[in-house]
Amino acid sequence: MSTDLTTTPATLGPGGPGEAPPSAAAARVDQRKRTKRRSTTAVVVTQLALLAALLGGWAYLATDEVWINLVGSPTGVTTQLGEWFADPEFWSDIGLTALEAVLGYGLGVLIAIVLVAIIVPVNALDRFFAPFIAMANALPKIVLAPLFILWLGFSITSKVLFVAAGIFFLIFYGVYSGVRSIDHVLLDNARVLGATRGKIITDVYLPSIVGWLISSLRLSSAWALTGAVVSEYLGSNAGVGYRIALAQQTLDPSAVIAGIIAVAVLAVIVDRLLVLVERRYTQWRVF
């Protein structure tokens, strides 16, 4: 009895037995893309529906003589924004607020990173400063604004220092946690391999803390703008916060909301830019 050992070769994928042929893999990829597109479309439609509902409810409230004095109206806000956009002084105020936020942001980040670099390597300094930093962080930051205005007047310096005071703690604790999370085995191995202090900083410390740092930068960007606007609101003769304060004094809710929207749009732009940076550098990590 003869046995026919000839068999029909199986259709195999490029990786050998068990893998689907390229056509099936491509079909799955296309299916995932279609699912993602449908999900994105559903999210956008839901967001637009929610926005339309909020605007509709707002417009309905604005038809009442009492509510319109409390929440303004979409038409009033749109008109106010149009007037501001056509006014060169408005863009000067936007630039001033942005400058205060950027300078305070940079100053707070710089001081926080320098302080971490000084105290973390020395345990005695770390233990000495820890309770004082914790107590300072517990203080409500808003109470510092009147002090800075009292000391420095309505100058840009008082706004920059107020922003920096709020930024400092967010950045400090983010970078501090990142440094403390580094495995000492990595540091010991680097020293055994003959790495210099500079190489340890660039090849171990920086890749390990970059994720913590960028996350802290993104979280603190909103505070930078908020701090600048709040300090202008409390005492200033220019800036977006000053415009909001004037609108509040004249009982113009539409102008107040217009100022809030202007700050919110600026904050969203900054946040999107930081998201791009975060996506680029959070993968540059040791672990």
Protein backbone atom coordinates (compact mmCIF):
# COMPACT_ATOMS: atom_id res chain seq x y z
CA MET A 1 0.00 0.00 0.00
CA SER A 2 1.55 3.23 -1.08
CA THR A 3 1.26 6.44 0.84
CA ASP A 4 1.14 9.76 -1.02
CA LEU A 5 3.35 12.14 0.93
CA THR A 6 2.73 15.02 -1.44
CA THR A 7 0.77 17.78 0.27
CA THR A 8 -0.46 21.13 -0.81
CA PRO A 9 1.69 23.87 0.73
CA ALA A 10 -0.17 25.99 3.28
CA THR A 11 -0.56 29.67 2.73
CA LEU A 12 1.67 31.25 5.30
CA GLY A 13 2.27 34.81 6.27
CA PRO A 14 5.67 36.40 6.01
CA GLY A 15 6.51 35.36 9.56
CA GLY A 16 5.83 31.61 9.16
CA PRO A 17 3.07 29.38 10.53
CA GLY A 18 0.38 31.00 12.63
CA GLU A 19 0.51 34.43 10.99
CA ALA A 20 -2.31 35.65 8.82
CA PRO A 21 -1.60 36.38 5.16
CA PRO A 22 -0.88 40.00 4.27
CA SER A 23 -4.40 40.55 2.95
CA ALA A 24 -5.98 39.62 6.30
CA ALA A 25 -3.51 41.81 8.26
CA ALA A 26 -4.22 44.73 5.95
CA ALA A 27 -7.96 44.20 6.42
CA ARG A 28 -7.56 44.38 10.18
CA VAL A 29 -5.55 47.59 9.90
CA ASP A 30 -8.21 49.13 7.66
CA GLN A 31 -10.90 48.04 10.10
CA ARG A 32 -9.06 49.71 12.99
CA LYS A 33 -8.68 52.90 10.97
CA ARG A 34 -12.39 52.95 10.11
CA THR A 35 -13.28 52.34 13.76
CA LYS A 36 -11.01 55.17 14.86
CA ARG A 37 -12.52 57.53 12.27
CA ARG A 38 -16.04 56.66 13.41
CA SER A 39 -15.06 57.19 17.03
CA THR A 40 -13.47 60.56 16.23
CA THR A 41 -16.53 61.64 14.26
CA ALA A 42 -18.82 60.63 17.12
CA VAL A 43 -16.74 62.61 19.61
CA VAL A 44 -16.71 65.74 17.43
CA VAL A 45 -20.46 65.53 16.79
CA THR A 46 -21.12 65.13 20.52
CA GLN A 47 -18.90 68.10 21.32
CA LEU A 48 -20.66 70.29 18.76
CA ALA A 49 -24.07 69.19 20.06
CA LEU A 50 -23.05 70.06 23.63
CA LEU A 51 -21.72 73.44 22.51
CA ALA A 52 -24.94 74.17 20.60
CA ALA A 53 -27.03 73.21 23.63
CA LEU A 54 -25.00 75.50 25.90
CA LEU A 55 -25.22 78.41 23.47
CA GLY A 56 -28.94 77.82 23.03
CA GLY A 57 -29.52 77.78 26.78
CA TRP A 58 -27.40 80.88 27.19
CA ALA A 59 -29.33 82.72 24.45
CA TYR A 60 -32.61 81.70 26.07
CA LEU A 61 -31.51 83.08 29.46
CA ALA A 62 -30.43 86.30 27.76
CA THR A 63 -34.05 86.95 26.73
CA ASP A 64 -34.88 87.59 30.38
CA GLU A 65 -34.20 91.13 31.62
CA VAL A 66 -32.75 89.88 34.91
CA TRP A 67 -30.55 87.10 33.57
CA ILE A 68 -29.05 89.23 30.81
CA ASN A 69 -27.58 91.48 33.51
CA LEU A 70 -25.97 88.44 35.12
CA VAL A 71 -24.71 86.32 32.22
CA GLY A 72 -24.79 88.73 29.28
CA SER A 73 -25.68 87.33 25.89
CA PRO A 74 -23.92 85.52 23.05
CA THR A 75 -24.64 88.49 20.79
CA GLY A 76 -23.17 90.93 23.29
CA VAL A 77 -20.04 88.84 23.76
CA THR A 78 -19.56 88.47 20.01
CA THR A 79 -19.99 92.21 19.51
CA GLN A 80 -17.52 92.97 22.29
CA LEU A 81 -14.92 90.58 20.89
CA GLY A 82 -15.36 92.13 17.44
CA GLU A 83 -14.75 95.61 18.87
CA TRP A 84 -11.69 94.42 20.75
CA PHE A 85 -10.21 92.63 17.76
CA ALA A 86 -10.48 95.87 15.76
CA ASP A 87 -8.79 97.84 18.55
CA PRO A 88 -4.95 97.89 18.44
CA GLU A 89 -4.83 98.53 22.20
CA PHE A 90 -6.51 95.18 22.81
CA TRP A 91 -3.66 93.38 21.08
CA SER A 92 -1.23 95.41 23.18
CA ASP A 93 -3.05 94.20 26.29
CA ILE A 94 -2.90 90.61 25.02
CA GLY A 95 0.82 91.00 24.40
CA LEU A 96 1.39 92.46 27.87
CA THR A 97 -0.49 89.64 29.58
CA ALA A 98 1.37 87.05 27.51
CA LEU A 99 4.71 88.72 28.32
CA GLU A 100 3.99 88.70 32.05
CA ALA A 101 2.98 85.04 31.87
CA VAL A 102 6.05 84.02 29.84
CA LEU A 103 8.54 85.91 32.03
CA GLY A 104 7.01 84.62 35.26
CA TYR A 105 6.82 81.13 33.78
CA GLY A 106 10.49 81.14 32.81
CA LEU A 107 11.59 82.61 36.13
CA GLY A 108 9.62 80.07 38.15
CA VAL A 109 10.92 77.14 36.08
CA LEU A 110 14.52 78.36 36.36
CA ILE A 111 14.40 78.84 40.14
CA ALA A 112 12.71 75.47 40.66
CA ILE A 113 15.24 73.52 38.58
CA VAL A 114 18.22 75.29 40.15
CA LEU A 115 16.91 74.64 43.68
CA VAL A 116 16.35 70.95 42.92
CA ALA A 117 19.87 70.70 41.50
CA ILE A 118 21.27 72.26 44.68
CA ILE A 119 19.39 70.47 47.44
CA VAL A 120 18.76 66.97 46.08
CA PRO A 121 22.42 65.84 45.90
CA VAL A 122 22.94 66.93 49.53
CA ASN A 123 20.71 65.04 51.95
CA ALA A 124 21.28 67.58 54.72
CA LEU A 125 20.04 70.43 52.52
CA ASP A 126 17.11 68.33 51.37
CA ARG A 127 15.99 67.65 54.94
CA PHE A 128 16.58 71.28 55.94
CA PHE A 129 14.56 72.92 53.14
CA ALA A 130 11.77 70.33 52.84
CA PRO A 131 9.50 71.67 55.67
CA PHE A 132 9.95 75.30 54.63
CA ILE A 133 9.06 74.56 51.01
CA ALA A 134 6.05 72.55 52.14
CA MET A 135 4.83 75.42 54.35
CA ALA A 136 5.30 77.95 51.55
CA ASN A 137 3.42 75.68 49.16
CA ALA A 138 0.51 75.50 51.61
CA LEU A 139 0.00 79.26 51.47
CA PRO A 140 -2.84 80.40 49.20
CA LYS A 141 -1.02 82.01 46.28
CA ILE A 142 -3.70 84.65 45.74
CA VAL A 143 -2.67 86.44 48.96
CA LEU A 144 0.76 87.12 47.47
CA ALA A 145 -0.58 89.33 44.68
CA PRO A 146 -1.59 92.25 46.94
CA LEU A 147 1.80 92.06 48.64
CA PHE A 148 3.71 92.24 45.38
CA ILE A 149 1.51 95.12 44.23
CA LEU A 150 2.08 96.90 47.57
CA TRP A 151 5.85 96.43 47.32
CA LEU A 152 6.34 97.03 43.59
CA GLY A 153 3.25 98.93 42.47
CA PHE A 154 1.50 98.31 39.17
CA SER A 155 4.75 97.53 37.36
CA ILE A 156 5.24 94.42 35.29
CA THR A 157 7.69 93.16 37.94
CA SER A 158 4.92 92.56 40.48
CA LYS A 159 2.99 90.44 37.94
CA VAL A 160 6.04 88.44 36.90
CA LEU A 161 6.96 87.63 40.51
CA PHE A 162 3.39 86.60 41.32
CA VAL A 163 3.30 84.23 38.35
CA ALA A 164 6.74 82.85 39.24
CA ALA A 165 5.65 82.23 42.84
CA GLY A 166 2.82 80.00 41.66
CA ILE A 167 4.83 78.26 38.93
CA PHE A 168 7.74 77.46 41.22
CA PHE A 169 6.01 74.87 43.40
CA LEU A 170 4.41 73.00 40.49
CA ILE A 171 7.73 72.67 38.70
CA PHE A 172 9.76 72.03 41.84
CA TYR A 173 7.71 69.09 43.04
CA GLY A 174 7.46 67.65 39.54
CA VAL A 175 11.22 67.69 38.96
CA TYR A 176 11.92 66.68 42.56
CA SER A 177 9.69 63.61 42.21
CA GLY A 178 11.37 62.74 38.92
CA VAL A 179 14.85 62.88 40.43
CA ARG A 180 13.79 60.87 43.47
CA SER A 181 12.27 58.18 41.23
CA ILE A 182 15.62 57.39 39.57
CA ASP A 183 16.83 53.91 40.44
CA HIS A 184 20.17 54.16 42.28
CA VAL A 185 21.29 51.03 40.45
CA LEU A 186 21.39 53.07 37.24
CA LEU A 187 23.58 55.66 38.90
CA ASP A 188 25.89 53.04 40.40
CA ASN A 189 26.22 51.24 37.07
CA ALA A 190 27.02 54.49 35.31
CA ARG A 191 29.75 55.28 37.83
CA VAL A 192 31.19 51.77 37.57
CA LEU A 193 31.38 52.18 33.80
CA GLY A 194 33.40 55.34 34.30
CA ALA A 195 30.76 57.94 33.45
CA THR A 196 31.68 61.47 34.42
CA ARG A 197 29.31 63.69 36.39
CA GLY A 198 28.34 65.48 33.18
CA LYS A 199 27.57 62.19 31.40
CA ILE A 200 25.47 61.01 34.35
CA ILE A 201 23.44 64.21 34.18
CA THR A 202 22.88 64.03 30.41
CA ASP A 203 22.47 60.24 30.09
CA VAL A 204 20.68 59.34 33.33
CA TYR A 205 19.12 62.34 35.07
CA LEU A 206 17.75 64.22 32.06
CA PRO A 207 16.15 61.22 30.31
CA SER A 208 14.62 60.16 33.63
CA ILE A 209 13.06 63.50 34.59
CA VAL A 210 12.08 64.82 31.17
CA GLY A 211 8.62 63.23 31.34
CA TRP A 212 7.99 64.65 34.80
CA LEU A 213 9.28 68.07 33.74
CA ILE A 214 7.18 68.37 30.59
CA SER A 215 4.04 67.22 32.41
CA SER A 216 4.68 69.86 35.07
CA LEU A 217 5.29 72.50 32.40
CA ARG A 218 1.95 71.72 30.81
CA LEU A 219 0.08 71.81 34.10
CA SER A 220 1.71 75.07 35.13
CA SER A 221 1.10 76.87 31.82
CA ALA A 222 -2.55 77.42 32.76
CA TRP A 223 -1.50 78.90 36.09
CA ALA A 224 0.92 81.28 34.36
CA LEU A 225 -1.90 82.88 32.36
CA THR A 226 -4.29 82.78 35.30
CA GLY A 227 -1.73 84.39 37.58
CA ALA A 228 -1.00 87.16 35.10
CA VAL A 229 -4.71 87.93 34.61
CA VAL A 230 -5.47 87.80 38.36
CA SER A 231 -2.61 90.14 39.22
CA GLU A 232 -3.79 92.56 36.51
CA TYR A 233 -7.34 92.32 37.81
CA LEU A 234 -6.25 93.18 41.35
CA GLY A 235 -4.09 96.13 40.37
CA SER A 236 -3.04 97.27 36.92
CA ASN A 237 -3.63 99.90 34.26
CA ALA A 238 -3.27 97.57 31.25
CA GLY A 239 -3.70 93.95 30.24
CA VAL A 240 -6.60 91.56 29.82
CA GLY A 241 -7.17 91.42 33.57
CA TYR A 242 -7.48 95.20 33.61
CA ARG A 243 -10.15 95.03 30.90
CA ILE A 244 -12.05 92.42 32.90
CA ALA A 245 -11.85 94.61 36.01
CA LEU A 246 -13.21 97.60 34.08
CA ALA A 247 -16.05 95.49 32.71
CA GLN A 248 -16.90 94.30 36.21
CA GLN A 249 -16.91 97.86 37.55
CA THR A 250 -19.29 98.98 34.78
CA LEU A 251 -21.54 95.93 35.33
CA ASP A 252 -20.98 94.62 31.81
CA PRO A 253 -21.15 90.81 31.99
CA SER A 254 -20.74 90.40 28.23
CA ALA A 255 -17.35 92.17 28.37
CA VAL A 256 -16.32 90.09 31.38
CA ILE A 257 -17.13 86.86 29.54
CA ALA A 258 -15.40 88.18 26.42
CA GLY A 259 -12.23 88.70 28.44
CA ILE A 260 -12.50 85.21 29.91
CA ILE A 261 -12.93 83.74 26.42
CA ALA A 262 -9.85 85.62 25.17
CA VAL A 263 -7.76 84.17 28.02
CA ALA A 264 -9.21 80.68 27.47
CA VAL A 265 -8.34 80.74 23.75
CA LEU A 266 -4.80 81.83 24.54
CA ALA A 267 -4.52 79.05 27.15
CA VAL A 268 -5.73 76.42 24.67
CA ILE A 269 -3.14 77.53 22.10
CA VAL A 270 -0.35 77.27 24.66
CA ASP A 271 -1.60 73.89 25.85
CA ARG A 272 -1.70 72.47 22.32
CA LEU A 273 1.87 73.60 21.73
CA LEU A 274 2.99 71.92 24.96
CA VAL A 275 1.14 68.74 23.97
CA LEU A 276 3.25 68.58 20.82
CA VAL A 277 6.40 69.00 22.90
CA GLU A 278 5.19 66.37 25.37
CA ARG A 279 4.58 63.81 22.63
CA ARG A 280 8.02 64.46 21.23
CA TYR A 281 10.03 64.15 24.42
CA THR A 282 8.15 61.87 26.84
CA GLN A 283 9.56 58.87 24.97
CA TRP A 284 13.10 60.00 25.77
CA ARG A 285 13.32 58.15 29.05
CA VAL A 286 15.51 55.55 30.64
CA PHE A 287 12.51 53.53 31.87
